[in-house]
Amino acid sequence: MQEVLRGSMENLLLKVAPKEEIDKKLEHVFETLFGQESPERIYFEEDDMAYIVDTGNDDV
């Protein structure tokens, strides 16, 4: 059985940018991919279902 890591892990991004900048970029990427108004989104909901577009094969 694989051992579960407990505790916190070091955020290596903090070595190259401040936390506020990292958070801002992550929010932008999330909104781009999952935001309802984004033309580049990959997540769609229809009725009681949802899907993520497979951009490599242009499929769902």
C-alpha atoms as a PDB file:
ATOM      1  CA  MET A   1       0.000   0.000   0.000  1.00  0.00           C
ATOM      2  CA  GLN A   2       1.249   3.459  -0.892  1.00  0.00           C
ATOM      3  CA  GLU A   3       2.012   5.761   2.030  1.00  0.00           C
ATOM      4  CA  VAL A   4      -0.083   8.946   2.160  1.00  0.00           C
ATOM      5  CA  LEU A   5       1.865  12.205   2.501  1.00  0.00           C
ATOM      6  CA  ARG A   6       0.721  14.310   5.394  1.00  0.00           C
ATOM      7  CA  GLY A   7       1.450  17.904   6.213  1.00  0.00           C
ATOM      8  CA  SER A   8       2.373  20.640   3.812  1.00  0.00           C
ATOM      9  CA  MET A   9       4.616  20.512   0.785  1.00  0.00           C
ATOM     10  CA  GLU A  10       6.852  23.341  -0.380  1.00  0.00           C
ATOM     11  CA  ASN A  11       5.350  25.518  -3.110  1.00  0.00           C
ATOM     12  CA  LEU A  12       8.187  25.750  -5.630  1.00  0.00           C
ATOM     13  CA  LEU A  13       6.441  28.568  -7.516  1.00  0.00           C
ATOM     14  CA  LEU A  14       7.125  30.830  -4.549  1.00  0.00           C
ATOM     15  CA  LYS A  15      10.818  30.676  -5.473  1.00  0.00           C
ATOM     16  CA  VAL A  16      10.146  32.551  -8.726  1.00  0.00           C
ATOM     17  CA  ALA A  17       7.147  34.794  -7.974  1.00  0.00           C
ATOM     18  CA  PRO A  18       5.240  36.297  -5.031  1.00  0.00           C
ATOM     19  CA  LYS A  19       2.084  34.489  -3.836  1.00  0.00           C
ATOM     20  CA  GLU A  20      -0.203  37.311  -5.008  1.00  0.00           C
ATOM     21  CA  GLU A  21       1.139  37.050  -8.569  1.00  0.00           C
ATOM     22  CA  ILE A  22       0.786  33.254  -8.579  1.00  0.00           C
ATOM     23  CA  ASP A  23      -2.792  33.473  -7.283  1.00  0.00           C
ATOM     24  CA  LYS A  24      -3.686  36.074  -9.931  1.00  0.00           C
ATOM     25  CA  LYS A  25      -2.310  33.906 -12.760  1.00  0.00           C
ATOM     26  CA  LEU A  26      -4.068  30.776 -11.463  1.00  0.00           C
ATOM     27  CA  GLU A  27      -7.380  32.659 -11.260  1.00  0.00           C
ATOM     28  CA  HIS A  28      -6.905  33.885 -14.830  1.00  0.00           C
ATOM     29  CA  VAL A  29      -6.193  30.359 -16.136  1.00  0.00           C
ATOM     30  CA  PHE A  30      -9.200  28.949 -14.238  1.00  0.00           C
ATOM     31  CA  GLU A  31     -11.520  31.630 -15.641  1.00  0.00           C
ATOM     32  CA  THR A  32     -10.138  31.082 -19.152  1.00  0.00           C
ATOM     33  CA  LEU A  33     -10.786  27.329 -19.077  1.00  0.00           C
ATOM     34  CA  PHE A  34     -13.934  27.125 -16.949  1.00  0.00           C
ATOM     35  CA  GLY A  35     -15.553  30.592 -17.058  1.00  0.00           C
ATOM     36  CA  GLN A  36     -18.954  30.770 -18.731  1.00  0.00           C
ATOM     37  CA  GLU A  37     -18.041  33.890 -20.710  1.00  0.00           C
ATOM     38  CA  SER A  38     -14.652  32.702 -21.992  1.00  0.00           C
ATOM     39  CA  PRO A  39     -14.395  31.834 -25.711  1.00  0.00           C
ATOM     40  CA  GLU A  40     -11.502  29.492 -24.815  1.00  0.00           C
ATOM     41  CA  ARG A  41     -13.373  27.475 -22.192  1.00  0.00           C
ATOM     42  CA  ILE A  42     -13.217  23.681 -22.166  1.00  0.00           C
ATOM     43  CA  TYR A  43     -15.940  22.951 -19.565  1.00  0.00           C
ATOM     44  CA  PHE A  44     -19.589  22.943 -20.607  1.00  0.00           C
ATOM     45  CA  GLU A  45     -22.848  22.153 -18.811  1.00  0.00           C
ATOM     46  CA  GLU A  46     -26.017  21.035 -20.581  1.00  0.00           C
ATOM     47  CA  ASP A  47     -29.172  20.225 -18.638  1.00  0.00           C
ATOM     48  CA  ASP A  48     -28.119  17.732 -15.940  1.00  0.00           C
ATOM     49  CA  MET A  49     -24.791  16.792 -17.576  1.00  0.00           C
ATOM     50  CA  ALA A  50     -21.386  18.387 -18.000  1.00  0.00           C
ATOM     51  CA  TYR A  51     -18.355  17.642 -20.134  1.00  0.00           C
ATOM     52  CA  ILE A  52     -14.767  18.747 -20.732  1.00  0.00           C
ATOM     53  CA  VAL A  53     -13.573  19.019 -24.329  1.00  0.00           C
ATOM     54  CA  ASP A  54     -10.619  16.812 -25.267  1.00  0.00           C
ATOM     55  CA  THR A  55      -8.558  19.433 -27.101  1.00  0.00           C
ATOM     56  CA  GLY A  56      -6.103  16.850 -28.426  1.00  0.00           C
ATOM     57  CA  ASN A  57      -8.780  14.923 -30.321  1.00  0.00           C
ATOM     58  CA  ASP A  58     -11.508  17.579 -30.577  1.00  0.00           C
ATOM     59  CA  ASP A  59     -13.857  15.246 -28.712  1.00  0.00           C
ATOM     60  CA  VAL A  60     -15.556  15.004 -25.328  1.00  0.00           C
END
